[in-house]
Amino acid sequence: MMETATALVPARIIAEFPLNTFLESIVVDGNNALFITSHEEGKVIRIDTDGVPVTQAIVQGKATGLALTPEGDLLLSGWDEQGTSVVWRIAIDGTIELLAKLPEALFLNGLTKLKDDRYLIADSYRGAIWELNIATKAVNIWLEHPDLARSSPEEVFPAVNGLKIYANFGVAESRYELGGNRNFPKLEIMD
């Protein structure tokens, strides 16, 4: 039996950006403000309910993954101006703090909260998931496996990408390859 899709909310344009703008990540805060990364420009853009895009912060480098802390700060993964993988904290007022440098990381991408002050960060080229403790600023490999990596070092398309915790059960992530999209099953988190 085939089900017919039901439109719950009519589609509408919230904001428009110039052609070839590389929007990468999005999070929504408790006030329904959208925070979106513009990868190449190193920007975090905020769109409040009025629909007007404003620059929340600009980093010297590239902006990739976003996550919200319980305090309302943003965590941003990306690269600094030297091409080193880093994670910044962006306060509500737009103040930027460098939390961690990860020189062994290749392409930090999606971010998600694991538990308490611990966050997971996808490394789309290395095939790893890093763990960052934002209180201590300690970083370590949480999981690394060849199935999470690109098919070859020459491949430009990312592998492990977005991360999501489902009801404190596990991590689901998606991998993109030439020829299709492959989803990985949930992994039980034993903590």
Protein backbone atom coordinates (compact mmCIF):
# COMPACT_ATOMS: atom_id res chain seq x y z
CA MET A 1 0.00 0.00 0.00
CA MET A 2 1.41 3.38 -1.01
CA GLU A 3 0.81 6.32 1.28
CA THR A 4 0.24 9.82 0.01
CA ALA A 5 2.47 12.51 1.49
CA THR A 6 0.65 15.12 3.54
CA ALA A 7 1.88 18.70 3.56
CA LEU A 8 1.74 19.78 7.20
CA VAL A 9 2.97 23.30 6.55
CA PRO A 10 3.05 25.05 3.20
CA ALA A 11 6.57 25.58 1.88
CA ARG A 12 7.77 29.16 1.83
CA ILE A 13 11.04 30.96 1.34
CA ILE A 14 12.54 32.10 4.64
CA ALA A 15 15.65 33.79 3.21
CA GLU A 16 17.55 33.96 -0.04
CA PHE A 17 21.31 33.96 -0.49
CA PRO A 18 23.53 34.72 -3.50
CA LEU A 19 24.14 31.96 -6.03
CA ASN A 20 26.92 29.54 -4.96
CA THR A 21 26.68 30.42 -1.26
CA PHE A 22 27.79 27.26 0.58
CA LEU A 23 25.34 26.94 3.47
CA GLU A 24 26.38 23.94 5.55
CA SER A 25 24.75 23.60 8.95
CA ILE A 26 21.65 24.86 10.72
CA VAL A 27 20.38 24.86 14.31
CA VAL A 28 17.26 26.39 15.83
CA ASP A 29 17.29 27.97 19.30
CA GLY A 30 14.48 28.15 21.85
CA ASN A 31 13.21 31.42 20.34
CA ASN A 32 12.93 29.83 16.87
CA ALA A 33 15.92 31.76 15.56
CA LEU A 34 17.83 29.91 12.86
CA PHE A 35 21.63 29.84 12.93
CA ILE A 36 23.23 28.85 9.63
CA THR A 37 26.87 28.50 8.63
CA SER A 38 28.15 30.00 5.40
CA HIS A 39 31.15 27.71 4.96
CA GLU A 40 33.41 29.61 2.57
CA GLU A 41 32.78 33.01 4.19
CA GLY A 42 33.36 31.77 7.75
CA LYS A 43 30.03 33.26 8.82
CA VAL A 44 27.30 32.28 11.20
CA ILE A 45 24.06 33.90 10.08
CA ARG A 46 21.06 34.37 12.39
CA ILE A 47 17.53 34.58 11.04
CA ASP A 48 14.99 35.59 13.65
CA THR A 49 11.23 35.24 13.21
CA ASP A 50 11.23 38.53 11.24
CA GLY A 51 13.01 36.63 8.42
CA VAL A 52 15.93 39.05 8.15
CA PRO A 53 19.37 37.39 7.89
CA VAL A 54 22.03 39.09 10.06
CA THR A 55 25.63 38.10 10.68
CA GLN A 56 25.97 36.64 14.18
CA ALA A 57 29.74 36.06 13.92
CA ILE A 58 32.59 35.81 11.41
CA VAL A 59 35.61 33.58 12.01
CA GLN A 60 38.94 33.85 10.24
CA GLY A 61 38.64 30.58 8.37
CA LYS A 62 35.80 28.31 7.29
CA ALA A 63 32.58 27.55 9.20
CA THR A 64 31.06 24.09 9.10
CA GLY A 65 29.09 22.38 11.90
CA LEU A 66 26.90 23.98 14.58
CA ALA A 67 25.47 22.90 17.91
CA LEU A 68 23.75 24.81 20.71
CA THR A 69 24.84 24.59 24.34
CA PRO A 70 22.23 24.64 27.12
CA GLU A 71 23.35 28.22 27.89
CA GLY A 72 22.45 29.30 24.35
CA ASP A 73 26.01 29.59 23.05
CA LEU A 74 26.91 28.10 19.68
CA LEU A 75 29.68 25.60 19.06
CA LEU A 76 31.17 25.92 15.59
CA SER A 77 33.52 23.47 13.87
CA GLY A 78 35.69 24.51 10.95
CA TRP A 79 39.21 25.60 10.01
CA ASP A 80 41.22 28.59 11.09
CA GLU A 81 43.08 30.82 8.61
CA GLN A 82 46.05 28.37 8.60
CA GLY A 83 43.78 25.46 7.65
CA THR A 84 43.93 23.81 11.10
CA SER A 85 40.72 22.14 12.28
CA VAL A 86 39.24 24.03 15.23
CA VAL A 87 36.14 24.41 17.36
CA TRP A 88 34.96 27.84 18.49
CA ARG A 89 32.34 28.88 21.04
CA ILE A 90 30.19 31.83 19.98
CA ALA A 91 28.41 33.62 22.81
CA ILE A 92 24.92 35.06 22.43
CA ASP A 93 26.48 38.52 21.94
CA GLY A 94 28.66 37.22 19.07
CA THR A 95 31.90 37.00 21.06
CA ILE A 96 34.12 34.24 19.65
CA GLU A 97 36.34 31.99 21.79
CA LEU A 98 38.68 29.33 20.40
CA LEU A 99 37.84 26.16 22.35
CA ALA A 100 40.15 23.61 20.74
CA LYS A 101 42.60 23.04 17.92
CA LEU A 102 42.58 19.58 16.37
CA PRO A 103 45.66 19.43 14.13
CA GLU A 104 45.15 15.70 13.47
CA ALA A 105 41.59 16.24 12.21
CA LEU A 106 41.06 16.61 8.46
CA PHE A 107 37.52 17.96 7.93
CA LEU A 108 35.45 18.70 11.02
CA ASN A 109 31.78 18.73 10.17
CA GLY A 110 28.59 17.88 12.08
CA LEU A 111 28.37 18.47 15.83
CA THR A 112 25.97 17.10 18.43
CA LYS A 113 25.73 16.97 22.20
CA LEU A 114 26.57 13.59 23.70
CA LYS A 115 26.09 14.17 27.43
CA ASP A 116 26.73 16.97 29.93
CA ASP A 117 29.70 18.98 28.56
CA ARG A 118 30.63 16.33 25.98
CA TYR A 119 30.02 16.84 22.24
CA LEU A 120 30.73 14.65 19.22
CA ILE A 121 32.18 16.05 16.00
CA ALA A 122 32.26 14.23 12.66
CA ASP A 123 35.56 14.23 10.77
CA SER A 124 34.33 13.79 7.21
CA TYR A 125 37.71 12.96 5.66
CA ARG A 126 39.52 11.05 8.41
CA GLY A 127 36.62 8.70 9.09
CA ALA A 128 36.45 9.52 12.76
CA ILE A 129 34.16 10.98 15.36
CA TRP A 130 35.91 13.21 17.86
CA GLU A 131 34.73 13.89 21.41
CA LEU A 132 35.14 17.39 22.85
CA ASN A 133 34.57 18.24 26.49
CA ILE A 134 33.73 21.96 26.40
CA ALA A 135 34.41 22.43 30.13
CA THR A 136 37.93 20.98 30.10
CA LYS A 137 38.62 21.58 26.37
CA ALA A 138 39.89 17.99 26.15
CA VAL A 139 39.59 16.33 22.74
CA ASN A 140 39.99 12.68 21.80
CA ILE A 141 38.91 10.17 19.16
CA TRP A 142 35.56 8.70 20.20
CA LEU A 143 35.22 6.34 17.22
CA GLU A 144 37.31 5.73 14.13
CA HIS A 145 36.62 3.17 11.42
CA PRO A 146 37.37 2.84 7.69
CA ASP A 147 33.63 2.67 6.93
CA LEU A 148 33.34 6.26 8.19
CA ALA A 149 36.08 7.53 5.85
CA ARG A 150 36.13 8.67 2.23
CA SER A 151 36.52 5.94 -0.36
CA SER A 152 39.98 7.35 -1.23
CA PRO A 153 42.15 10.32 -0.17
CA GLU A 154 41.48 11.90 -3.59
CA GLU A 155 37.72 11.85 -3.03
CA VAL A 156 36.39 15.37 -2.35
CA PHE A 157 32.94 14.32 -1.16
CA PRO A 158 32.70 13.96 2.63
CA ALA A 159 31.96 10.67 4.34
CA VAL A 160 30.79 10.73 7.98
CA ASN A 161 28.84 13.96 8.10
CA GLY A 162 25.85 14.84 10.27
CA LEU A 163 25.54 13.36 13.75
CA LYS A 164 22.36 12.97 15.79
CA ILE A 165 21.60 11.46 19.21
CA TYR A 166 18.23 9.72 19.38
CA ALA A 167 16.65 9.64 22.87
CA ASN A 168 20.04 8.96 24.49
CA PHE A 169 20.17 5.63 22.69
CA GLY A 170 22.64 6.01 19.92
CA VAL A 171 24.26 7.91 17.13
CA ALA A 172 22.93 7.93 13.62
CA GLU A 173 25.04 9.40 10.88
CA SER A 174 24.95 9.55 7.16
CA ARG A 175 27.64 8.93 4.58
CA TYR A 176 27.60 10.36 1.10
CA GLU A 177 29.44 8.66 -1.73
CA LEU A 178 29.51 8.90 -5.47
CA GLY A 179 26.68 6.71 -6.60
CA GLY A 180 24.39 7.19 -3.66
CA ASN A 181 23.64 7.87 -0.05
CA ARG A 182 24.37 5.22 2.57
CA ASN A 183 22.94 5.42 6.07
CA PHE A 184 24.58 3.69 9.02
CA PRO A 185 22.54 2.04 11.74
CA LYS A 186 22.23 3.40 15.25
CA LEU A 187 25.15 2.65 17.53
CA GLU A 188 24.36 1.99 21.18
CA ILE A 189 26.28 4.36 23.43
CA MET A 190 27.70 2.60 26.46
CA ASP A 191 28.69 5.38 28.82
